[in-house]
């Protein structure tokens, strides 16, 4: 049986993975049939490149993606783009609060605004 899985090729403490098609019996870093893409988790944002056409081809031939590869593709790649460098999602801007007029009763009790030239009267005792 064929599996689409990740193969570690990075050095110690610097993980870098290739997405490969391999026999399910082969060792994690053993022989493989084809490289389908790469995944670099340490980049900010994480860098994911996958050839979606080849993934679809191998799936049609019976290859099963591992749970990790399935999650990686679903989370980081859109259906439209075959190879993508993924940027983190920016938070949506918050809508401005609607401006509402205060009720007429509140407006009637409001203090009149001062003119720019007017000087306020001193408080008693000053």
PDB file of N, CA and C in Angstrom:
ATOM      1  N   UNK A   1       0.839  -1.169   0.000  1.00  0.00           N
ATOM      2  CA  UNK A   1       0.000   0.000   0.000  1.00  0.00           C
ATOM      3  C   UNK A   1       0.894   1.245   0.000  1.00  0.00           C
ATOM      4  N   UNK A   2       0.428   2.302  -0.667  1.00  0.00           N
ATOM      5  CA  UNK A   2       1.184   3.543  -0.754  1.00  0.00           C
ATOM      6  C   UNK A   2       0.681   4.552   0.267  1.00  0.00           C
ATOM      7  N   UNK A   3       1.589   5.367   0.769  1.00  0.00           N
ATOM      8  CA  UNK A   3       1.234   6.393   1.742  1.00  0.00           C
ATOM      9  C   UNK A   3       1.868   7.714   1.322  1.00  0.00           C
ATOM     10  N   UNK A   4       1.127   8.797   1.520  1.00  0.00           N
ATOM     11  CA  UNK A   4       1.676  10.142   1.353  1.00  0.00           C
ATOM     12  C   UNK A   4       1.979  10.617   2.763  1.00  0.00           C
ATOM     13  N   UNK A   5       3.261  10.825   3.040  1.00  0.00           N
ATOM     14  CA  UNK A   5       3.650  11.184   4.399  1.00  0.00           C
ATOM     15  C   UNK A   5       4.823  12.136   4.398  1.00  0.00           C
ATOM     16  N   UNK A   6       5.181  12.589   5.596  1.00  0.00           N
ATOM     17  CA  UNK A   6       6.278  13.537   5.728  1.00  0.00           C
ATOM     18  C   UNK A   6       7.571  12.783   6.016  1.00  0.00           C
ATOM     19  N   UNK A   7       8.646  13.267   5.394  1.00  0.00           N
ATOM     20  CA  UNK A   7       9.976  12.691   5.575  1.00  0.00           C
ATOM     21  C   UNK A   7      10.871  13.789   6.112  1.00  0.00           C
ATOM     22  N   UNK A   8      11.462  13.584   7.271  1.00  0.00           N
ATOM     23  CA  UNK A   8      12.297  14.624   7.878  1.00  0.00           C
ATOM     24  C   UNK A   8      13.661  14.658   7.214  1.00  0.00           C
ATOM     25  N   UNK A   9      14.068  15.875   6.801  1.00  0.00           N
ATOM     26  CA  UNK A   9      15.380  16.033   6.189  1.00  0.00           C
ATOM     27  C   UNK A   9      16.178  17.135   6.873  1.00  0.00           C
ATOM     28  N   UNK A  10      15.626  17.797   7.858  1.00  0.00           N
ATOM     29  CA  UNK A  10      16.324  18.886   8.538  1.00  0.00           C
ATOM     30  C   UNK A  10      17.336  18.357   9.531  1.00  0.00           C
ATOM     31  N   UNK A  11      18.240  19.229   9.937  1.00  0.00           N
ATOM     32  CA  UNK A  11      19.235  18.852  10.926  1.00  0.00           C
ATOM     33  C   UNK A  11      18.641  18.913  12.331  1.00  0.00           C
ATOM     34  N   UNK A  12      19.471  18.615  13.312  1.00  0.00           N
ATOM     35  CA  UNK A  12      19.004  18.610  14.695  1.00  0.00           C
ATOM     36  C   UNK A  12      18.485  19.998  15.089  1.00  0.00           C
ATOM     37  N   UNK A  13      17.314  20.039  15.691  1.00  0.00           N
ATOM     38  CA  UNK A  13      16.640  21.246  16.153  1.00  0.00           C
ATOM     39  C   UNK A  13      16.255  22.205  15.024  1.00  0.00           C
ATOM     40  N   UNK A  14      16.328  21.780  13.780  1.00  0.00           N
ATOM     41  CA  UNK A  14      15.896  22.591  12.635  1.00  0.00           C
ATOM     42  C   UNK A  14      15.068  21.718  11.706  1.00  0.00           C
ATOM     43  N   UNK A  15      13.837  21.438  12.094  1.00  0.00           N
ATOM     44  CA  UNK A  15      13.038  20.505  11.302  1.00  0.00           C
ATOM     45  C   UNK A  15      12.677  21.079   9.936  1.00  0.00           C
ATOM     46  N   UNK A  16      12.774  20.233   8.942  1.00  0.00           N
ATOM     47  CA  UNK A  16      12.333  20.532   7.581  1.00  0.00           C
ATOM     48  C   UNK A  16      11.795  19.218   7.046  1.00  0.00           C
ATOM     49  N   UNK A  17      10.624  19.251   6.438  1.00  0.00           N
ATOM     50  CA  UNK A  17       9.999  18.017   5.994  1.00  0.00           C
ATOM     51  C   UNK A  17       9.715  18.056   4.508  1.00  0.00           C
ATOM     52  N   UNK A  18       9.799  16.900   3.868  1.00  0.00           N
ATOM     53  CA  UNK A  18       9.354  16.735   2.494  1.00  0.00           C
ATOM     54  C   UNK A  18       8.118  15.864   2.521  1.00  0.00           C
ATOM     55  N   UNK A  19       7.142  16.204   1.710  1.00  0.00           N
ATOM     56  CA  UNK A  19       5.971  15.358   1.541  1.00  0.00           C
ATOM     57  C   UNK A  19       6.284  14.395   0.414  1.00  0.00           C
ATOM     58  N   UNK A  20       6.250  13.108   0.712  1.00  0.00           N
ATOM     59  CA  UNK A  20       6.653  12.103  -0.263  1.00  0.00           C
ATOM     60  C   UNK A  20       5.604  11.005  -0.373  1.00  0.00           C
ATOM     61  N   UNK A  21       5.679  10.287  -1.489  1.00  0.00           N
ATOM     62  CA  UNK A  21       4.889   9.073  -1.668  1.00  0.00           C
ATOM     63  C   UNK A  21       5.851   7.914  -1.427  1.00  0.00           C
ATOM     64  N   UNK A  22       5.497   7.024  -0.511  1.00  0.00           N
ATOM     65  CA  UNK A  22       6.365   5.900  -0.171  1.00  0.00           C
ATOM     66  C   UNK A  22       5.496   4.682   0.118  1.00  0.00           C
ATOM     67  N   UNK A  23       6.116   3.542   0.069  1.00  0.00           N
ATOM     68  CA  UNK A  23       5.412   2.324   0.491  1.00  0.00           C
ATOM     69  C   UNK A  23       5.194   2.430   1.989  1.00  0.00           C
ATOM     70  N   UNK A  24       4.062   1.994   2.461  1.00  0.00           N
ATOM     71  CA  UNK A  24       3.749   2.136   3.880  1.00  0.00           C
ATOM     72  C   UNK A  24       4.695   1.314   4.761  1.00  0.00           C
ATOM     73  N   UNK A  25       5.334   0.292   4.202  1.00  0.00           N
ATOM     74  CA  UNK A  25       6.259  -0.534   4.975  1.00  0.00           C
ATOM     75  C   UNK A  25       7.637   0.102   5.095  1.00  0.00           C
ATOM     76  N   UNK A  26       7.957   1.088   4.270  1.00  0.00           N
ATOM     77  CA  UNK A  26       9.284   1.700   4.266  1.00  0.00           C
ATOM     78  C   UNK A  26       9.481   2.538   5.531  1.00  0.00           C
ATOM     79  N   UNK A  27      10.729   2.713   5.919  1.00  0.00           N
ATOM     80  CA  UNK A  27      11.070   3.527   7.089  1.00  0.00           C
ATOM     81  C   UNK A  27      10.710   4.982   6.816  1.00  0.00           C
ATOM     82  N   UNK A  28      10.555   5.767   7.897  1.00  0.00           N
ATOM     83  CA  UNK A  28      10.163   7.168   7.759  1.00  0.00           C
ATOM     84  C   UNK A  28      11.100   7.922   6.824  1.00  0.00           C
ATOM     85  N   UNK A  29      12.391   7.752   6.981  1.00  0.00           N
ATOM     86  CA  UNK A  29      13.357   8.442   6.147  1.00  0.00           C
ATOM     87  C   UNK A  29      13.986   7.505   5.118  1.00  0.00           C
ATOM     88  N   UNK A  30      13.286   6.417   4.805  1.00  0.00           N
ATOM     89  CA  UNK A  30      13.792   5.438   3.852  1.00  0.00           C
ATOM     90  C   UNK A  30      13.445   5.797   2.419  1.00  0.00           C
ATOM     91  N   UNK A  31      13.319   4.767   1.601  1.00  0.00           N
ATOM     92  CA  UNK A  31      13.074   4.968   0.174  1.00  0.00           C
ATOM     93  C   UNK A  31      11.678   5.536  -0.065  1.00  0.00           C
ATOM     94  N   UNK A  32      11.545   6.250  -1.174  1.00  0.00           N
ATOM     95  CA  UNK A  32      10.273   6.846  -1.543  1.00  0.00           C
ATOM     96  C   UNK A  32      10.166   6.874  -3.056  1.00  0.00           C
ATOM     97  N   UNK A  33       8.972   7.122  -3.556  1.00  0.00           N
ATOM     98  CA  UNK A  33       8.738   7.120  -4.999  1.00  0.00           C
ATOM     99  C   UNK A  33       8.829   8.513  -5.613  1.00  0.00           C
ATOM    100  N   UNK A  34       8.278   9.526  -4.924  1.00  0.00           N
ATOM    101  CA  UNK A  34       8.259  10.870  -5.490  1.00  0.00           C
ATOM    102  C   UNK A  34       8.129  11.909  -4.381  1.00  0.00           C
ATOM    103  N   UNK A  35       8.769  13.057  -4.586  1.00  0.00           N
ATOM    104  CA  UNK A  35       8.619  14.188  -3.672  1.00  0.00           C
ATOM    105  C   UNK A  35       7.459  15.032  -4.175  1.00  0.00           C
ATOM    106  N   UNK A  36       6.479  15.291  -3.290  1.00  0.00           N
ATOM    107  CA  UNK A  36       5.299  16.065  -3.663  1.00  0.00           C
ATOM    108  C   UNK A  36       5.344  17.502  -3.180  1.00  0.00           C
ATOM    109  N   UNK A  37       6.208  17.806  -2.229  1.00  0.00           N
ATOM    110  CA  UNK A  37       6.274  19.162  -1.717  1.00  0.00           C
ATOM    111  C   UNK A  37       7.159  19.227  -0.495  1.00  0.00           C
ATOM    112  N   UNK A  38       7.067  20.366   0.209  1.00  0.00           N
ATOM    113  CA  UNK A  38       7.883  20.556   1.403  1.00  0.00           C
ATOM    114  C   UNK A  38       7.109  21.360   2.432  1.00  0.00           C
ATOM    115  N   UNK A  39       7.591  21.274   3.680  1.00  0.00           N
ATOM    116  CA  UNK A  39       6.970  21.985   4.799  1.00  0.00           C
ATOM    117  C   UNK A  39       8.083  22.425   5.725  1.00  0.00           C
ATOM    118  N   UNK A  40       8.145  23.751   5.959  1.00  0.00           N
ATOM    119  CA  UNK A  40       9.153  24.307   6.862  1.00  0.00           C
ATOM    120  C   UNK A  40       8.423  24.995   8.005  1.00  0.00           C
ATOM    121  N   UNK A  41       8.264  24.317   9.154  1.00  0.00           N
ATOM    122  CA  UNK A  41       7.464  24.862  10.254  1.00  0.00           C
ATOM    123  C   UNK A  41       8.123  26.001  11.014  1.00  0.00           C
ATOM    124  N   UNK A  42       9.438  26.187  10.921  1.00  0.00           N
ATOM    125  CA  UNK A  42      10.108  27.232  11.702  1.00  0.00           C
ATOM    126  C   UNK A  42       9.998  28.605  11.073  1.00  0.00           C
ATOM    127  N   UNK A  43       9.662  28.684   9.803  1.00  0.00           N
ATOM    128  CA  UNK A  43       9.506  29.986   9.159  1.00  0.00           C
ATOM    129  C   UNK A  43       8.292  30.691   9.747  1.00  0.00           C
ATOM    130  N   UNK A  44       8.364  31.997   9.809  1.00  0.00           N
ATOM    131  CA  UNK A  44       7.233  32.786  10.304  1.00  0.00           C
ATOM    132  C   UNK A  44       6.734  33.641   9.169  1.00  0.00           C
ATOM    133  N   UNK A  45       5.651  33.317   8.532  1.00  0.00           N
ATOM    134  CA  UNK A  45       4.729  32.212   8.758  1.00  0.00           C
ATOM    135  C   UNK A  45       5.282  30.901   8.185  1.00  0.00           C
ATOM    136  N   UNK A  46       4.719  29.789   8.619  1.00  0.00           N
ATOM    137  CA  UNK A  46       5.170  28.481   8.157  1.00  0.00           C
ATOM    138  C   UNK A  46       5.082  28.417   6.638  1.00  0.00           C
ATOM    139  N   UNK A  47       6.073  27.804   6.019  1.00  0.00           N
ATOM    140  CA  UNK A  47       6.141  27.742   4.566  1.00  0.00           C
ATOM    141  C   UNK A  47       5.711  26.350   4.112  1.00  0.00           C
ATOM    142  N   UNK A  48       4.663  26.310   3.292  1.00  0.00           N
ATOM    143  CA  UNK A  48       4.126  25.046   2.788  1.00  0.00           C
ATOM    144  C   UNK A  48       4.083  25.122   1.276  1.00  0.00           C
ATOM    145  N   UNK A  49       4.680  24.156   0.610  1.00  0.00           N
ATOM    146  CA  UNK A  49       4.632  24.069  -0.850  1.00  0.00           C
ATOM    147  C   UNK A  49       4.243  22.643  -1.200  1.00  0.00           C
ATOM    148  N   UNK A  50       3.150  22.501  -1.951  1.00  0.00           N
ATOM    149  CA  UNK A  50       2.676  21.179  -2.325  1.00  0.00           C
ATOM    150  C   UNK A  50       2.184  21.219  -3.768  1.00  0.00           C
ATOM    151  N   UNK A  51       2.519  20.208  -4.542  1.00  0.00           N
ATOM    152  CA  UNK A  51       2.023  20.079  -5.913  1.00  0.00           C
ATOM    153  C   UNK A  51       0.695  19.326  -5.840  1.00  0.00           C
ATOM    154  N   UNK A  52      -0.409  20.095  -5.842  1.00  0.00           N
ATOM    155  CA  UNK A  52      -1.739  19.494  -5.657  1.00  0.00           C
ATOM    156  C   UNK A  52      -2.093  18.516  -6.773  1.00  0.00           C
ATOM    157  N   UNK A  53      -1.641  18.771  -8.004  1.00  0.00           N
ATOM    158  CA  UNK A  53      -1.948  17.851  -9.109  1.00  0.00           C
ATOM    159  C   UNK A  53      -1.362  16.472  -8.846  1.00  0.00           C
ATOM    160  N   UNK A  54      -0.125  16.434  -8.367  1.00  0.00           N
ATOM    161  CA  UNK A  54       0.513  15.148  -8.096  1.00  0.00           C
ATOM    162  C   UNK A  54      -0.113  14.450  -6.887  1.00  0.00           C
ATOM    163  N   UNK A  55      -0.513  15.235  -5.879  1.00  0.00           N
ATOM    164  CA  UNK A  55      -1.203  14.629  -4.733  1.00  0.00           C
ATOM    165  C   UNK A  55      -2.496  13.983  -5.206  1.00  0.00           C
ATOM    166  N   UNK A  56      -3.269  14.699  -6.018  1.00  0.00           N
ATOM    167  CA  UNK A  56      -4.521  14.141  -6.544  1.00  0.00           C
ATOM    168  C   UNK A  56      -4.261  12.900  -7.393  1.00  0.00           C
ATOM    169  N   UNK A  57      -3.186  12.927  -8.181  1.00  0.00           N
ATOM    170  CA  UNK A  57      -2.833  11.774  -8.998  1.00  0.00           C
ATOM    171  C   UNK A  57      -2.567  10.550  -8.128  1.00  0.00           C
ATOM    172  N   UNK A  58      -1.732  10.724  -7.091  1.00  0.00           N
ATOM    173  CA  UNK A  58      -1.384   9.585  -6.250  1.00  0.00           C
ATOM    174  C   UNK A  58      -2.573   9.097  -5.425  1.00  0.00           C
ATOM    175  N   UNK A  59      -3.428  10.001  -5.013  1.00  0.00           N
ATOM    176  CA  UNK A  59      -4.632   9.575  -4.288  1.00  0.00           C
ATOM    177  C   UNK A  59      -5.521   8.751  -5.215  1.00  0.00           C
ATOM    178  N   UNK A  60      -5.610   9.142  -6.488  1.00  0.00           N
ATOM    179  CA  UNK A  60      -6.411   8.372  -7.447  1.00  0.00           C
ATOM    180  C   UNK A  60      -5.819   6.986  -7.683  1.00  0.00           C
ATOM    181  N   UNK A  61      -4.511   6.828  -7.477  1.00  0.00           N
ATOM    182  CA  UNK A  61      -3.848   5.528  -7.634  1.00  0.00           C
ATOM    183  C   UNK A  61      -3.917   4.688  -6.359  1.00  0.00           C
ATOM    184  N   UNK A  62      -4.520   5.243  -5.289  1.00  0.00           N
ATOM    185  CA  UNK A  62      -4.706   4.458  -4.082  1.00  0.00           C
ATOM    186  C   UNK A  62      -3.824   4.853  -2.911  1.00  0.00           C
ATOM    187  N   UNK A  63      -2.999   5.889  -3.061  1.00  0.00           N
ATOM    188  CA  UNK A  63      -2.157   6.323  -1.945  1.00  0.00           C
ATOM    189  C   UNK A  63      -3.030   7.005  -0.893  1.00  0.00           C
ATOM    190  N   UNK A  64      -2.732   6.744   0.370  1.00  0.00           N
ATOM    191  CA  UNK A  64      -3.507   7.334   1.461  1.00  0.00           C
ATOM    192  C   UNK A  64      -2.639   8.341   2.205  1.00  0.00           C
ATOM    193  N   UNK A  65      -3.093   9.595   2.302  1.00  0.00           N
ATOM    194  CA  UNK A  65      -2.307  10.570   3.075  1.00  0.00           C
ATOM    195  C   UNK A  65      -2.366  10.253   4.565  1.00  0.00           C
ATOM    196  N   UNK A  66      -1.256  10.485   5.249  1.00  0.00           N
ATOM    197  CA  UNK A  66      -1.248  10.290   6.696  1.00  0.00           C
ATOM    198  C   UNK A  66      -2.124  11.351   7.338  1.00  0.00           C
ATOM    199  N   UNK A  67      -2.463  11.160   8.600  1.00  0.00           N
ATOM    200  CA  UNK A  67      -3.297  12.133   9.308  1.00  0.00           C
ATOM    201  C   UNK A  67      -2.646  13.511   9.314  1.00  0.00           C
ATOM    202  N   UNK A  68      -1.334  13.556   9.523  1.00  0.00           N
ATOM    203  CA  UNK A  68      -0.620  14.826   9.566  1.00  0.00           C
ATOM    204  C   UNK A  68      -0.645  15.524   8.212  1.00  0.00           C
ATOM    205  N   UNK A  69      -0.414  14.786   7.149  1.00  0.00           N
ATOM    206  CA  UNK A  69      -0.423  15.373   5.807  1.00  0.00           C
ATOM    207  C   UNK A  69      -1.825  15.850   5.450  1.00  0.00           C
ATOM    208  N   UNK A  70      -2.829  15.074   5.781  1.00  0.00           N
ATOM    209  CA  UNK A  70      -4.211  15.463   5.491  1.00  0.00           C
ATOM    210  C   UNK A  70      -4.550  16.774   6.217  1.00  0.00           C
ATOM    211  N   UNK A  71      -4.160  16.893   7.479  1.00  0.00           N
ATOM    212  CA  UNK A  71      -4.410  18.107   8.241  1.00  0.00           C
ATOM    213  C   UNK A  71      -3.617  19.281   7.668  1.00  0.00           C
ATOM    214  N   UNK A  72      -2.367  19.056   7.311  1.00  0.00           N
ATOM    215  CA  UNK A  72      -1.516  20.103   6.755  1.00  0.00           C
ATOM    216  C   UNK A  72      -2.109  20.661   5.465  1.00  0.00           C
ATOM    217  N   UNK A  73      -2.545  19.803   4.581  1.00  0.00           N
ATOM    218  CA  UNK A  73      -3.121  20.252   3.317  1.00  0.00           C
ATOM    219  C   UNK A  73      -4.434  20.978   3.556  1.00  0.00           C
ATOM    220  N   UNK A  74      -5.269  20.441   4.413  1.00  0.00           N
ATOM    221  CA  UNK A  74      -6.566  21.076   4.668  1.00  0.00           C
ATOM    222  C   UNK A  74      -6.407  22.430   5.342  1.00  0.00           C
ATOM    223  N   UNK A  75      -5.451  22.560   6.226  1.00  0.00           N
ATOM    224  CA  UNK A  75      -5.288  23.781   7.003  1.00  0.00           C
ATOM    225  C   UNK A  75      -4.539  24.874   6.248  1.00  0.00           C
ATOM    226  N   UNK A  76      -3.564  24.507   5.427  1.00  0.00           N
ATOM    227  CA  UNK A  76      -2.677  25.501   4.847  1.00  0.00           C
ATOM    228  C   UNK A  76      -2.856  25.755   3.360  1.00  0.00           C
ATOM    229  N   UNK A  77      -3.571  24.921   2.659  1.00  0.00           N
ATOM    230  CA  UNK A  77      -3.656  25.104   1.213  1.00  0.00           C
ATOM    231  C   UNK A  77      -5.089  25.274   0.763  1.00  0.00           C
ATOM    232  N   UNK A  78      -5.299  26.232  -0.108  1.00  0.00           N
ATOM    233  CA  UNK A  78      -6.631  26.405  -0.692  1.00  0.00           C
ATOM    234  C   UNK A  78      -6.742  25.484  -1.895  1.00  0.00           C
ATOM    235  N   UNK A  79      -7.955  25.226  -2.326  1.00  0.00           N
ATOM    236  CA  UNK A  79      -8.175  24.328  -3.455  1.00  0.00           C
ATOM    237  C   UNK A  79      -7.727  24.959  -4.764  1.00  0.00           C
ATOM    238  N   UNK A  80      -7.677  26.288  -4.846  1.00  0.00           N
ATOM    239  CA  UNK A  80      -7.356  26.969  -6.093  1.00  0.00           C
ATOM    240  C   UNK A  80      -5.860  26.989  -6.381  1.00  0.00           C
ATOM    241  N   UNK A  81      -5.034  27.111  -5.365  1.00  0.00           N
ATOM    242  CA  UNK A  81      -3.602  27.289  -5.585  1.00  0.00           C
ATOM    243  C   UNK A  81      -2.849  25.986  -5.375  1.00  0.00           C
ATOM    244  N   UNK A  82      -2.042  25.526  -6.352  1.00  0.00           N
ATOM    245  CA  UNK A  82      -1.299  24.283  -6.183  1.00  0.00           C
ATOM    246  C   UNK A  82      -0.103  24.409  -5.248  1.00  0.00           C
ATOM    247  N   UNK A  83       0.582  25.538  -5.237  1.00  0.00           N
ATOM    248  CA  UNK A  83       1.716  25.735  -4.339  1.00  0.00           C
ATOM    249  C   UNK A  83       1.573  27.107  -3.700  1.00  0.00           C
ATOM    250  N   UNK A  84       1.649  27.133  -2.370  1.00  0.00           N
ATOM    251  CA  UNK A  84       1.345  28.373  -1.667  1.00  0.00           C
ATOM    252  C   UNK A  84       2.328  28.575  -0.536  1.00  0.00           C
ATOM    253  N   UNK A  85       2.738  29.825  -0.345  1.00  0.00           N
ATOM    254  CA  UNK A  85       3.429  30.186   0.893  1.00  0.00           C
ATOM    255  C   UNK A  85       2.350  30.780   1.773  1.00  0.00           C
ATOM    256  N   UNK A  86       2.116  30.165   2.901  1.00  0.00           N
ATOM    257  CA  UNK A  86       0.976  30.519   3.724  1.00  0.00           C
ATOM    258  C   UNK A  86       1.316  31.654   4.671  1.00  0.00           C
ATOM    259  N   UNK A  87       0.463  32.674   4.699  1.00  0.00           N
ATOM    260  CA  UNK A  87       0.602  33.776   5.639  1.00  0.00           C
ATOM    261  C   UNK A  87      -0.461  33.611   6.720  1.00  0.00           C
ATOM    262  N   UNK A  88      -0.169  34.026   7.934  1.00  0.00           N
ATOM    263  CA  UNK A  88      -1.192  33.887   8.967  1.00  0.00           C
ATOM    264  C   UNK A  88      -2.380  34.785   8.662  1.00  0.00           C
ATOM    265  N   UNK A  89      -3.532  34.326   9.062  1.00  0.00           N
ATOM    266  CA  UNK A  89      -4.754  35.089   8.813  1.00  0.00           C
ATOM    267  C   UNK A  89      -4.743  36.357   9.662  1.00  0.00           C
ATOM    268  N   UNK A  90      -4.989  37.477   9.008  1.00  0.00           N
ATOM    269  CA  UNK A  90      -5.054  38.749   9.730  1.00  0.00           C
ATOM    270  C   UNK A  90      -6.436  38.878  10.358  1.00  0.00           C
ATOM    271  N   UNK A  91      -6.506  39.404  11.562  1.00  0.00           N
ATOM    272  CA  UNK A  91      -7.821  39.555  12.176  1.00  0.00           C
ATOM    273  C   UNK A  91      -8.660  40.558  11.386  1.00  0.00           C
ATOM    274  N   UNK A  92      -9.932  40.279  11.287  1.00  0.00           N
ATOM    275  CA  UNK A  92     -10.836  41.156  10.553  1.00  0.00           C
ATOM    276  C   UNK A  92     -10.982  42.468  11.312  1.00  0.00           C
ATOM    277  N   UNK A  93     -11.024  43.592  10.589  1.00  0.00           N
ATOM    278  CA  UNK A  93     -11.189  44.866  11.290  1.00  0.00           C
ATOM    279  C   UNK A  93     -12.546  44.932  11.960  1.00  0.00           C
ATOM    280  N   UNK A  94     -12.553  45.506  13.144  1.00  0.00           N
ATOM    281  CA  UNK A  94     -13.806  45.605  13.886  1.00  0.00           C
ATOM    282  C   UNK A  94     -14.638  46.730  13.295  1.00  0.00           C
ATOM    283  N   UNK A  95     -15.925  46.494  13.119  1.00  0.00           N
ATOM    284  CA  UNK A  95     -16.762  47.560  12.572  1.00  0.00           C
ATOM    285  C   UNK A  95     -16.900  48.691  13.587  1.00  0.00           C
ATOM    286  N   UNK A  96     -17.000  49.914  13.063  1.00  0.00           N
ATOM    287  CA  UNK A  96     -17.147  51.070  13.942  1.00  0.00           C
ATOM    288  C   UNK A  96     -18.515  51.020  14.608  1.00  0.00           C
ATOM    289  N   UNK A  97     -18.579  51.526  15.833  1.00  0.00           N
ATOM    290  CA  UNK A  97     -19.849  51.546  16.555  1.00  0.00           C
ATOM    291  C   UNK A  97     -20.797  52.506  15.832  1.00  0.00           C
ATOM    292  N   UNK A  98     -22.049  52.119  15.684  1.00  0.00           N
ATOM    293  CA  UNK A  98     -22.982  53.000  14.988  1.00  0.00           C
ATOM    294  C   UNK A  98     -23.203  54.280  15.793  1.00  0.00           C
ATOM    295  N   UNK A  99     -23.287  55.387  15.079  1.00  0.00           N
ATOM    296  CA  UNK A  99     -23.513  56.674  15.722  1.00  0.00           C
ATOM    297  C   UNK A  99     -25.017  56.868  15.853  1.00  0.00           C
ATOM    298  N   UNK A 100     -25.457  57.050  17.077  1.00  0.00           N
ATOM    299  CA  UNK A 100     -26.890  57.246  17.309  1.00  0.00           C
ATOM    300  C   UNK A 100     -27.095  58.579  18.005  1.00  0.00           C
ATOM    301  N   UNK A 101     -28.174  59.211  17.680  1.00  0.00           N
ATOM    302  CA  UNK A 101     -28.533  60.474  18.320  1.00  0.00           C
ATOM    303  C   UNK A 101     -29.167  60.167  19.673  1.00  0.00           C
ATOM    304  N   UNK A 102     -28.844  60.942  20.720  1.00  0.00           N
ATOM    305  CA  UNK A 102     -29.484  60.708  22.012  1.00  0.00           C
ATOM    306  C   UNK A 102     -30.961  61.104  21.931  1.00  0.00           C
ATOM    307  N   UNK A 103     -31.786  60.513  22.771  1.00  0.00           N
ATOM    308  CA  UNK A 103     -33.210  60.857  22.754  1.00  0.00           C
ATOM    309  C   UNK A 103     -33.424  62.354  23.000  1.00  0.00           C
ATOM    310  N   UNK A 104     -34.587  62.867  22.584  1.00  0.00           N
ATOM    311  CA  UNK A 104     -34.892  64.290  22.686  1.00  0.00           C
ATOM    312  C   UNK A 104     -34.868  64.761  24.143  1.00  0.00           C
ATOM    313  N   UNK A 105     -35.301  63.934  25.093  1.00  0.00           N
ATOM    314  CA  UNK A 105     -35.330  64.315  26.501  1.00  0.00           C
ATOM    315  C   UNK A 105     -33.908  64.571  27.012  1.00  0.00           C
ATOM    316  N   UNK A 106     -32.954  63.783  26.561  1.00  0.00           N
ATOM    317  CA  UNK A 106     -31.573  63.962  26.987  1.00  0.00           C
ATOM    318  C   UNK A 106     -31.017  65.241  26.374  1.00  0.00           C
ATOM    319  N   UNK A 107     -31.374  65.515  25.108  1.00  0.00           N
ATOM    320  CA  UNK A 107     -30.886  66.723  24.450  1.00  0.00           C
ATOM    321  C   UNK A 107     -31.425  67.977  25.138  1.00  0.00           C
ATOM    322  N   UNK A 108     -32.672  67.949  25.631  1.00  0.00           N
ATOM    323  CA  UNK A 108     -33.275  69.112  26.272  1.00  0.00           C
ATOM    324  C   UNK A 108     -32.538  69.455  27.570  1.00  0.00           C
ATOM    325  N   UNK A 109     -32.025  68.454  28.283  1.00  0.00           N
ATOM    326  CA  UNK A 109     -31.336  68.687  29.548  1.00  0.00           C
ATOM    327  C   UNK A 109     -29.841  68.935  29.374  1.00  0.00           C
ATOM    328  N   UNK A 110     -29.366  68.891  28.151  1.00  0.00           N
ATOM    329  CA  UNK A 110     -27.942  69.064  27.909  1.00  0.00           C
ATOM    330  C   UNK A 110     -27.541  70.502  28.193  1.00  0.00           C
ATOM    331  N   UNK A 111     -26.317  70.690  28.638  1.00  0.00           N
ATOM    332  CA  UNK A 111     -25.824  72.032  28.921  1.00  0.00           C
ATOM    333  C   UNK A 111     -25.471  72.716  27.612  1.00  0.00           C
ATOM    334  N   UNK A 112     -25.717  74.010  27.502  1.00  0.00           N
ATOM    335  CA  UNK A 112     -25.381  74.700  26.254  1.00  0.00           C
ATOM    336  C   UNK A 112     -23.866  74.745  26.080  1.00  0.00           C
ATOM    337  N   UNK A 113     -23.430  74.657  24.841  1.00  0.00           N
ATOM    338  CA  UNK A 113     -21.998  74.698  24.565  1.00  0.00           C
ATOM    339  C   UNK A 113     -21.498  76.127  24.680  1.00  0.00           C
ATOM    340  N   UNK A 114     -20.271  76.284  25.125  1.00  0.00           N
ATOM    341  CA  UNK A 114     -19.661  77.598  25.291  1.00  0.00           C
ATOM    342  C   UNK A 114     -19.074  78.065  23.973  1.00  0.00           C
ATOM    343  N   UNK A 115     -19.088  79.360  23.761  1.00  0.00           N
ATOM    344  CA  UNK A 115     -18.437  79.910  22.586  1.00  0.00           C
ATOM    345  C   UNK A 115     -16.935  79.771  22.762  1.00  0.00           C
ATOM    346  N   UNK A 116     -16.217  79.763  21.673  1.00  0.00           N
ATOM    347  CA  UNK A 116     -14.770  79.649  21.743  1.00  0.00           C
ATOM    348  C   UNK A 116     -14.159  80.880  22.396  1.00  0.00           C
ATOM    349  N   UNK A 117     -14.810  82.069  22.236  1.00  0.00           N
ATOM    350  CA  UNK A 117     -14.272  83.305  22.803  1.00  0.00           C
ATOM    351  C   UNK A 117     -14.712  83.523  24.254  1.00  0.00           C
ATOM    352  N   UNK A 118     -15.712  82.785  24.691  1.00  0.00           N
ATOM    353  CA  UNK A 118     -16.255  83.016  26.036  1.00  0.00           C
ATOM    354  C   UNK A 118     -15.293  82.502  27.088  1.00  0.00           C
ATOM    355  N   UNK A 119     -15.186  83.225  28.172  1.00  0.00           N
ATOM    356  CA  UNK A 119     -14.336  82.826  29.286  1.00  0.00           C
ATOM    357  C   UNK A 119     -15.257  82.382  30.416  1.00  0.00           C
ATOM    358  N   UNK A 120     -15.052  81.210  30.981  1.00  0.00           N
ATOM    359  CA  UNK A 120     -15.918  80.760  32.068  1.00  0.00           C
ATOM    360  C   UNK A 120     -15.749  81.652  33.292  1.00  0.00           C
ATOM    361  N   UNK A 121     -16.848  81.823  33.998  1.00  0.00           N
ATOM    362  CA  UNK A 121     -16.829  82.649  35.206  1.00  0.00           C
ATOM    363  C   UNK A 121     -16.051  81.945  36.294  1.00  0.00           C
ATOM    364  N   UNK A 122     -15.314  82.682  37.124  1.00  0.00           N
ATOM    365  CA  UNK A 122     -14.555  82.028  38.199  1.00  0.00           C
ATOM    366  C   UNK A 122     -15.503  81.453  39.244  1.00  0.00           C
ATOM    367  N   UNK A 123     -15.084  80.381  39.862  1.00  0.00           N
ATOM    368  CA  UNK A 123     -15.884  79.732  40.887  1.00  0.00           C
ATOM    369  C   UNK A 123     -15.876  80.582  42.134  1.00  0.00           C
ATOM    370  N   UNK A 124     -16.940  80.529  42.973  1.00  0.00           N
ATOM    371  CA  UNK A 124     -16.964  81.320  44.185  1.00  0.00           C
ATOM    372  C   UNK A 124     -15.787  80.976  45.090  1.00  0.00           C
ATOM    373  N   UNK A 125     -15.186  81.961  45.681  1.00  0.00           N
ATOM    374  CA  UNK A 125     -14.058  81.746  46.581  1.00  0.00           C
ATOM    375  C   UNK A 125     -12.721  81.818  45.866  1.00  0.00           C
ATOM    376  N   UNK A 126     -12.708  82.077  44.593  1.00  0.00           N
ATOM    377  CA  UNK A 126     -11.429  82.138  43.885  1.00  0.00           C
ATOM    378  C   UNK A 126     -10.966  83.546  43.710  1.00  0.00           C
TER     379      UNK A 126
END
